[in-house]
N, C-alpha and C. Protein backbone atom coordinates (compact mmCIF):
# COMPACT_ATOMS: atom_id res chain seq x y z
N MET A 1 -8.27 32.99 -48.01
CA MET A 1 -9.37 32.40 -47.27
C MET A 1 -9.25 30.60 -47.24
N HIS A 2 -8.85 30.45 -48.04
CA HIS A 2 -8.95 28.61 -47.93
C HIS A 2 -8.25 28.31 -46.91
N VAL A 3 -6.32 29.18 -47.31
CA VAL A 3 -5.23 28.80 -46.78
C VAL A 3 -5.70 28.76 -45.27
N ARG A 4 -6.05 29.76 -44.71
CA ARG A 4 -6.42 30.26 -43.41
C ARG A 4 -7.49 28.93 -43.03
N LYS A 5 -8.55 28.36 -43.64
CA LYS A 5 -9.42 27.47 -43.01
C LYS A 5 -8.75 25.87 -42.75
N TRP A 6 -7.84 25.58 -43.90
CA TRP A 6 -6.81 24.84 -44.04
C TRP A 6 -6.13 24.77 -42.72
N ILE A 7 -5.28 26.08 -42.23
CA ILE A 7 -4.59 26.07 -41.24
C ILE A 7 -5.47 25.90 -39.67
N VAL A 8 -6.80 26.25 -40.11
CA VAL A 8 -7.16 25.74 -38.64
C VAL A 8 -7.70 24.51 -38.99
N ALA A 9 -8.50 23.69 -39.77
CA ALA A 9 -8.60 22.82 -39.54
C ALA A 9 -7.47 21.71 -39.08
N ALA A 10 -6.19 21.87 -39.37
CA ALA A 10 -5.01 21.60 -39.21
C ALA A 10 -4.50 21.31 -37.80
N ALA A 11 -5.12 23.01 -37.22
CA ALA A 11 -4.94 23.19 -36.17
C ALA A 11 -5.85 22.22 -34.92
N VAL A 12 -6.92 22.24 -34.80
CA VAL A 12 -8.32 21.56 -34.61
C VAL A 12 -7.82 20.27 -34.63
N GLY A 13 -7.21 19.50 -35.54
CA GLY A 13 -6.91 18.20 -35.66
C GLY A 13 -6.04 17.67 -35.10
N LEU A 14 -4.95 18.79 -35.08
CA LEU A 14 -3.71 18.05 -33.86
C LEU A 14 -4.26 18.06 -33.09
N ALA A 15 -5.08 19.10 -32.24
CA ALA A 15 -5.97 19.34 -30.89
C ALA A 15 -6.47 17.96 -30.92
N VAL A 16 -7.06 17.46 -31.54
CA VAL A 16 -7.87 16.27 -31.37
C VAL A 16 -6.97 15.09 -31.10
N VAL A 17 -6.21 14.75 -32.13
CA VAL A 17 -5.30 13.54 -31.74
C VAL A 17 -4.35 14.12 -30.70
N GLY A 18 -3.82 15.35 -29.94
CA GLY A 18 -3.06 15.43 -28.54
C GLY A 18 -4.04 14.88 -27.87
N VAL A 19 -5.62 15.55 -27.46
CA VAL A 19 -6.19 15.03 -26.47
C VAL A 19 -6.33 13.40 -26.14
N ALA A 20 -6.60 12.72 -27.54
CA ALA A 20 -6.53 11.37 -27.81
C ALA A 20 -5.87 10.71 -27.17
N ALA A 21 -4.30 11.16 -27.44
CA ALA A 21 -2.87 10.60 -27.33
C ALA A 21 -2.91 10.49 -25.45
N ALA A 22 -3.49 11.93 -24.98
CA ALA A 22 -3.46 11.67 -23.76
C ALA A 22 -4.29 11.42 -22.87
N VAL A 23 -5.72 11.32 -23.29
CA VAL A 23 -6.67 10.22 -22.81
C VAL A 23 -6.08 8.68 -22.99
N SER A 24 -5.48 8.06 -24.04
CA SER A 24 -5.32 6.93 -23.72
C SER A 24 -3.66 6.38 -22.94
N SER A 25 -3.56 7.28 -22.34
CA SER A 25 -2.34 6.86 -21.53
C SER A 25 -2.86 6.76 -20.62
N ASP A 26 -2.52 5.95 -19.40
CA ASP A 26 -3.49 5.46 -18.52
C ASP A 26 -2.03 5.31 -17.47
N PHE A 27 -1.76 6.29 -16.48
CA PHE A 27 -0.84 6.20 -15.53
C PHE A 27 -0.53 5.20 -14.51
N GLY A 28 -1.95 4.56 -14.27
CA GLY A 28 -1.81 3.61 -13.52
C GLY A 28 -1.72 2.46 -14.10
N LEU A 29 -2.00 2.26 -15.50
CA LEU A 29 -1.65 0.67 -16.47
C LEU A 29 -0.64 0.48 -16.07
N GLN A 30 0.37 2.25 -16.62
CA GLN A 30 1.82 2.08 -17.05
C GLN A 30 2.42 1.55 -15.34
N LYS A 31 1.82 2.31 -14.17
CA LYS A 31 2.44 2.05 -13.11
C LYS A 31 2.53 0.38 -12.77
N GLN A 32 1.41 0.08 -13.40
CA GLN A 32 0.99 -1.61 -13.21
C GLN A 32 1.71 -2.66 -13.50
N LYS A 33 2.04 -2.06 -14.95
CA LYS A 33 3.32 -2.76 -15.70
C LYS A 33 4.44 -2.46 -15.69
N GLU A 34 4.99 -1.54 -15.17
CA GLU A 34 6.08 -1.51 -14.90
C GLU A 34 6.52 -2.37 -13.26
N LEU A 35 5.22 -2.34 -12.49
CA LEU A 35 5.48 -3.11 -11.19
C LEU A 35 5.73 -4.63 -11.61
N TYR A 36 4.76 -4.86 -11.97
CA TYR A 36 4.76 -6.09 -13.10
C TYR A 36 6.50 -6.79 -13.45
N ASP A 37 6.32 -6.21 -13.96
CA ASP A 37 7.43 -6.50 -15.15
C ASP A 37 8.81 -6.40 -14.24
N LYS A 38 8.85 -5.55 -13.22
CA LYS A 38 10.38 -5.30 -11.80
C LYS A 38 9.69 -6.02 -10.91
N GLY A 39 9.00 -6.52 -10.33
CA GLY A 39 7.98 -7.15 -9.31
C GLY A 39 9.16 -8.00 -8.28
N ASN A 40 9.38 -8.65 -9.22
CA ASN A 40 10.90 -10.04 -8.58
C ASN A 40 11.98 -9.32 -8.30
N LEU A 41 12.04 -8.34 -8.83
CA LEU A 41 13.82 -7.52 -9.24
C LEU A 41 13.83 -6.73 -7.41
N LEU A 42 12.70 -6.00 -7.38
CA LEU A 42 12.72 -4.96 -6.41
C LEU A 42 12.06 -5.35 -5.34
N PHE A 43 11.25 -6.70 -5.35
CA PHE A 43 10.16 -7.12 -3.91
C PHE A 43 10.45 -8.44 -3.54
N GLY A 44 11.23 -9.07 -5.13
CA GLY A 44 10.61 -11.00 -4.79
C GLY A 44 9.99 -11.21 -4.83
N VAL A 45 8.97 -10.99 -5.87
CA VAL A 45 7.37 -11.74 -5.82
C VAL A 45 7.74 -11.83 -7.70
N GLN A 46 7.35 -13.55 -7.50
CA GLN A 46 7.97 -13.90 -8.66
C GLN A 46 6.55 -14.15 -9.56
N GLN A 47 5.32 -13.93 -8.69
CA GLN A 47 3.80 -14.15 -10.11
C GLN A 47 2.97 -13.69 -8.85
N PRO A 48 2.17 -12.34 -9.58
CA PRO A 48 1.42 -12.09 -8.67
C PRO A 48 0.67 -12.65 -8.06
N VAL A 49 -0.45 -12.31 -7.22
CA VAL A 49 -1.80 -13.21 -6.46
C VAL A 49 -2.64 -13.28 -8.00
N GLU A 50 -3.37 -14.42 -7.94
CA GLU A 50 -4.77 -14.66 -8.84
C GLU A 50 -5.61 -13.66 -8.62
N ALA A 51 -5.94 -13.83 -7.50
CA ALA A 51 -7.37 -13.01 -6.77
C ALA A 51 -7.04 -12.65 -4.91
N SER A 52 -8.02 -11.33 -4.99
CA SER A 52 -7.77 -11.09 -3.66
C SER A 52 -8.21 -12.40 -2.52
N SER A 53 -8.26 -11.89 -1.13
CA SER A 53 -8.30 -13.23 -0.76
C SER A 53 -9.47 -12.92 -0.03
N THR A 54 -10.09 -14.61 0.00
CA THR A 54 -11.44 -14.97 0.49
C THR A 54 -12.12 -15.36 1.76
N ALA A 55 -10.57 -15.33 3.08
CA ALA A 55 -10.40 -16.07 4.08
C ALA A 55 -11.72 -15.47 4.53
N ASP A 56 -12.39 -15.94 5.29
CA ASP A 56 -13.25 -15.12 6.57
C ASP A 56 -12.81 -16.21 7.77
N LEU A 57 -12.08 -15.39 8.70
CA LEU A 57 -11.75 -15.32 9.72
C LEU A 57 -12.44 -14.92 11.18
N THR A 58 -11.89 -15.91 12.35
CA THR A 58 -12.84 -15.42 13.42
C THR A 58 -12.20 -14.55 14.23
N GLY A 59 -12.33 -13.94 14.88
CA GLY A 59 -11.14 -13.21 15.75
C GLY A 59 -10.34 -13.87 16.44
N PRO A 60 -10.85 -14.96 17.55
CA PRO A 60 -9.54 -15.63 17.74
C PRO A 60 -9.10 -16.48 17.02
N GLN A 61 -9.32 -16.98 15.85
CA GLN A 61 -8.67 -17.80 14.57
C GLN A 61 -7.67 -16.87 13.95
N ALA A 62 -7.73 -15.06 14.16
CA ALA A 62 -7.19 -14.16 13.70
C ALA A 62 -5.69 -14.29 14.65
N LEU A 63 -6.52 -13.81 16.17
CA LEU A 63 -5.30 -13.83 16.99
C LEU A 63 -4.72 -15.03 16.80
N ALA A 64 -4.68 -16.03 17.12
CA ALA A 64 -4.35 -17.66 16.74
C ALA A 64 -3.22 -17.74 15.68
N SER A 65 -3.38 -17.26 14.78
CA SER A 65 -2.71 -17.17 13.27
C SER A 65 -2.94 -16.50 12.48
N PRO A 66 -2.28 -14.82 13.09
CA PRO A 66 -2.40 -13.54 12.14
C PRO A 66 -2.04 -13.82 11.01
N ALA A 67 -0.96 -14.62 10.46
CA ALA A 67 -0.38 -14.49 9.39
C ALA A 67 -1.54 -15.44 7.97
N ALA A 68 -2.24 -16.36 8.94
CA ALA A 68 -3.85 -16.49 7.62
C ALA A 68 -4.68 -15.12 7.34
N LEU A 69 -4.03 -13.95 7.71
CA LEU A 69 -4.85 -13.14 7.31
C LEU A 69 -4.58 -12.44 5.92
N VAL A 70 -3.57 -13.05 5.64
CA VAL A 70 -2.87 -12.29 4.59
C VAL A 70 -2.36 -13.68 3.63
N THR A 71 -2.94 -12.82 2.05
CA THR A 71 -2.30 -13.75 0.93
C THR A 71 -1.63 -12.93 0.48
N LEU A 72 -0.24 -13.95 -0.05
CA LEU A 72 1.09 -13.58 -0.57
C LEU A 72 1.03 -13.88 -1.99
N ALA A 73 1.87 -13.39 -2.61
CA ALA A 73 2.39 -13.50 -4.40
C ALA A 73 3.53 -14.86 -4.13
N LYS A 74 4.03 -15.36 -4.55
CA LYS A 74 4.98 -16.58 -4.91
C LYS A 74 6.29 -15.56 -4.75
N GLY A 75 6.94 -16.20 -3.77
CA GLY A 75 8.40 -15.56 -3.54
C GLY A 75 8.80 -14.62 -2.34
N LEU A 76 7.42 -14.34 -1.83
CA LEU A 76 7.42 -13.81 -0.39
C LEU A 76 7.24 -14.72 0.52
N ASP A 77 7.66 -14.06 2.02
CA ASP A 77 6.42 -14.94 3.01
C ASP A 77 6.41 -13.96 3.94
N VAL A 78 5.65 -14.07 5.40
CA VAL A 78 5.37 -13.24 6.55
C VAL A 78 5.60 -13.53 7.75
N HIS A 79 6.13 -12.32 8.20
CA HIS A 79 6.39 -12.49 9.67
C HIS A 79 5.83 -11.26 10.61
N VAL A 80 5.03 -12.37 11.56
CA VAL A 80 3.88 -11.58 12.36
C VAL A 80 5.24 -10.83 13.70
N LEU A 81 5.07 -9.26 13.58
CA LEU A 81 5.91 -8.81 14.58
C LEU A 81 5.00 -8.09 15.69
N ALA A 82 3.85 -8.47 15.85
CA ALA A 82 2.96 -7.84 16.47
C ALA A 82 1.60 -8.19 16.26
N ALA A 83 0.84 -8.91 17.02
CA ALA A 83 -0.71 -9.26 17.04
C ALA A 83 -1.49 -8.41 17.49
N GLY A 84 -1.05 -7.64 18.35
CA GLY A 84 -2.43 -6.43 18.88
C GLY A 84 -2.91 -7.20 20.74
N VAL A 85 -3.03 -8.33 20.89
CA VAL A 85 -3.10 -8.22 22.20
C VAL A 85 -2.09 -9.02 22.80
N GLY A 86 -1.98 -8.14 23.98
CA GLY A 86 -0.85 -8.66 24.71
C GLY A 86 0.44 -7.94 24.48
N ASP A 87 0.62 -7.44 23.23
CA ASP A 87 1.41 -6.27 22.43
C ASP A 87 1.55 -5.08 22.58
N ASP A 88 -0.14 -4.83 23.17
CA ASP A 88 -0.02 -3.46 23.61
C ASP A 88 -0.18 -2.40 22.57
N VAL A 89 -0.09 -3.36 20.99
CA VAL A 89 -0.43 -2.55 19.14
C VAL A 89 -1.88 -2.02 19.55
N GLY A 90 -1.99 -1.20 18.73
CA GLY A 90 -3.68 -0.82 18.51
C GLY A 90 -3.68 -1.79 17.24
N SER A 91 -5.26 -1.55 17.88
CA SER A 91 -6.18 -2.73 16.54
C SER A 91 -6.33 -2.58 15.63
N HIS A 92 -6.66 -1.08 15.09
CA HIS A 92 -6.92 -0.66 14.14
C HIS A 92 -5.29 0.63 13.55
N LEU A 93 -4.41 -0.02 13.38
CA LEU A 93 -2.95 0.31 12.92
C LEU A 93 -3.14 0.76 11.12
N ASP A 94 -2.80 2.16 11.49
CA ASP A 94 -2.64 2.56 10.15
C ASP A 94 -1.58 3.69 9.59
N GLN A 95 -1.28 4.04 8.27
CA GLN A 95 -0.78 5.05 7.65
C GLN A 95 1.16 4.91 8.72
N MET A 96 1.27 3.63 8.22
CA MET A 96 2.74 2.98 9.12
C MET A 96 3.59 3.43 7.95
N VAL A 97 4.94 3.71 8.56
CA VAL A 97 5.80 4.26 7.52
C VAL A 97 7.27 3.26 8.59
N LEU A 98 7.90 3.51 7.85
CA LEU A 98 9.51 2.35 8.36
C LEU A 98 10.24 3.40 8.87
N TRP A 99 10.78 3.65 10.06
CA TRP A 99 11.77 4.57 10.31
C TRP A 99 13.07 3.83 10.83
N PRO A 100 14.23 4.95 11.33
CA PRO A 100 14.25 5.81 10.17
C PRO A 100 14.32 5.35 8.70
N SER A 101 14.28 5.63 7.72
CA SER A 101 14.11 5.00 6.03
C SER A 101 15.35 4.39 5.36
N SER A 102 16.34 5.06 5.80
CA SER A 102 17.65 4.37 5.87
C SER A 102 17.92 3.51 7.20
N ASN A 103 18.08 1.75 6.91
CA ASN A 103 18.13 1.03 7.97
C ASN A 103 17.12 1.50 8.76
N PRO A 104 15.76 0.82 8.43
CA PRO A 104 14.89 0.91 9.40
C PRO A 104 14.88 -0.07 10.76
N THR A 105 14.63 0.42 11.75
CA THR A 105 14.58 -0.22 13.27
C THR A 105 13.20 -0.22 13.70
N HIS A 106 12.21 0.71 13.38
CA HIS A 106 10.66 0.81 13.71
C HIS A 106 9.94 0.61 12.84
N ILE A 107 8.84 0.86 12.79
CA ILE A 107 7.59 1.21 12.04
C ILE A 107 6.90 2.25 13.47
N ILE A 108 6.71 3.17 12.53
CA ILE A 108 5.64 4.01 13.10
C ILE A 108 4.09 4.23 12.67
N GLY A 109 3.18 4.07 13.54
CA GLY A 109 1.84 3.80 12.93
C GLY A 109 0.87 4.53 14.00
N ILE A 110 -0.33 5.27 12.76
CA ILE A 110 -1.46 5.46 13.58
C ILE A 110 -2.20 4.99 13.86
N ASN A 111 -3.04 4.91 15.75
CA ASN A 111 -4.06 3.82 15.78
C ASN A 111 -5.32 4.64 15.46
N GLU A 112 -6.16 4.06 14.44
CA GLU A 112 -7.12 4.77 14.73
C GLU A 112 -8.53 4.29 15.13
N GLU A 113 -8.76 4.59 16.70
CA GLU A 113 -9.59 4.60 17.71
C GLU A 113 -10.03 5.39 18.50
N GLY A 114 -10.26 4.79 19.50
CA GLY A 114 -11.11 6.39 20.41
C GLY A 114 -9.48 6.71 21.50
N PRO A 115 -10.10 7.90 22.28
CA PRO A 115 -9.08 8.81 22.55
C PRO A 115 -8.57 7.78 23.96
N GLY A 116 -9.08 6.70 24.45
CA GLY A 116 -8.86 5.64 25.31
C GLY A 116 -7.76 4.64 24.73
N ASP A 117 -7.57 4.35 23.43
CA ASP A 117 -6.96 3.55 22.64
C ASP A 117 -5.42 4.06 22.52
N PRO A 118 -4.56 3.16 22.29
CA PRO A 118 -3.84 3.56 21.95
C PRO A 118 -3.47 4.46 20.75
N GLY A 119 -2.39 5.86 20.93
CA GLY A 119 -2.63 6.53 19.32
C GLY A 119 -1.55 6.40 18.44
N LEU A 120 -0.37 6.88 18.38
CA LEU A 120 0.57 6.95 17.85
C LEU A 120 1.74 6.29 18.34
N GLN A 121 2.15 4.94 17.44
CA GLN A 121 3.02 3.59 18.23
C GLN A 121 4.20 3.67 17.04
N LYS A 122 5.16 3.73 18.10
CA LYS A 122 6.62 3.16 17.59
C LYS A 122 6.47 1.84 17.86
N ILE A 123 7.25 1.00 16.73
CA ILE A 123 7.07 -0.19 17.04
C ILE A 123 8.56 -0.80 16.64
N ASP A 124 8.87 -1.51 17.53
CA ASP A 124 10.30 -2.06 17.50
C ASP A 124 10.30 -3.52 16.46
N LEU A 125 11.12 -2.89 15.29
CA LEU A 125 11.22 -4.34 14.29
C LEU A 125 11.87 -5.82 14.89
N GLU A 126 12.37 -5.68 15.90
CA GLU A 126 13.37 -6.62 16.02
C GLU A 126 12.33 -7.26 17.41
N THR A 127 11.71 -6.49 18.19
CA THR A 127 11.48 -7.55 19.25
C THR A 127 9.79 -7.46 19.48
N GLY A 128 8.86 -6.47 18.58
CA GLY A 128 7.69 -5.97 18.52
C GLY A 128 7.12 -5.32 19.58
N GLU A 129 7.98 -4.69 20.46
CA GLU A 129 7.49 -4.04 22.00
C GLU A 129 6.69 -2.41 21.15
N ALA A 130 5.82 -1.87 21.62
CA ALA A 130 5.11 -1.09 21.06
C ALA A 130 5.33 0.35 22.46
N THR A 131 5.86 1.25 21.52
CA THR A 131 5.76 2.54 22.57
C THR A 131 4.54 3.26 22.33
N THR A 132 3.82 3.49 23.30
CA THR A 132 2.82 4.77 22.63
C THR A 132 2.42 6.08 23.30
N ALA A 133 2.06 6.73 22.34
CA ALA A 133 1.84 8.27 22.91
C ALA A 133 0.13 8.16 23.08
N ARG A 134 -0.45 8.40 23.66
CA ARG A 134 -1.58 8.33 24.13
C ARG A 134 -2.34 9.17 23.46
N CYS A 135 -3.33 9.29 22.72
CA CYS A 135 -4.22 10.15 22.82
C CYS A 135 -5.07 11.03 24.06
N THR A 136 -4.88 12.56 23.93
CA THR A 136 -5.56 13.10 25.28
C THR A 136 -6.70 14.15 25.00
N SER A 137 -7.34 13.90 23.47
CA SER A 137 -8.80 14.95 23.35
C SER A 137 -9.86 13.72 22.59
C-alpha cells in the first residue's frame, strides 16, 4: 500500500513539474530572443528601436514625406514605393505579400476600404505602378 501511494505521489510530482516547465517556456519570448540575436544577420538590423514612434503628422505632411511615418532600427533605411495620392494605391493597403516569393517583382495587397475604392492591388516594385481589381459588391 505504501509503494502504491509513493508511485502515485511521484507521478503527481512529475506531472506538476512537467506543467510548470511547459508554462515557463514562453514561445513568444523565445522567438523575440532569436530575432534579437539574428536580426543583423537576417535583416541588417544592428539595434532594435528603443520605443514606438510618437510622431504625429498631418495628412499633408505624411503625403509630402511618407518616410517620416516610419521609425527604423539602426542599419535599415526606407524607400517610398508609392504614397497613395496620384499613384492609385489604396489608402488602407493591408495583407501585403511579395510576389513571386523567389525574386519578387510586385507587392500584392488588399485595400480595406469601400466598394468604390481600389480592392486587390498589384504594385510594381520598380515603378510603384498599381494595377487594381475593383470591388464590385
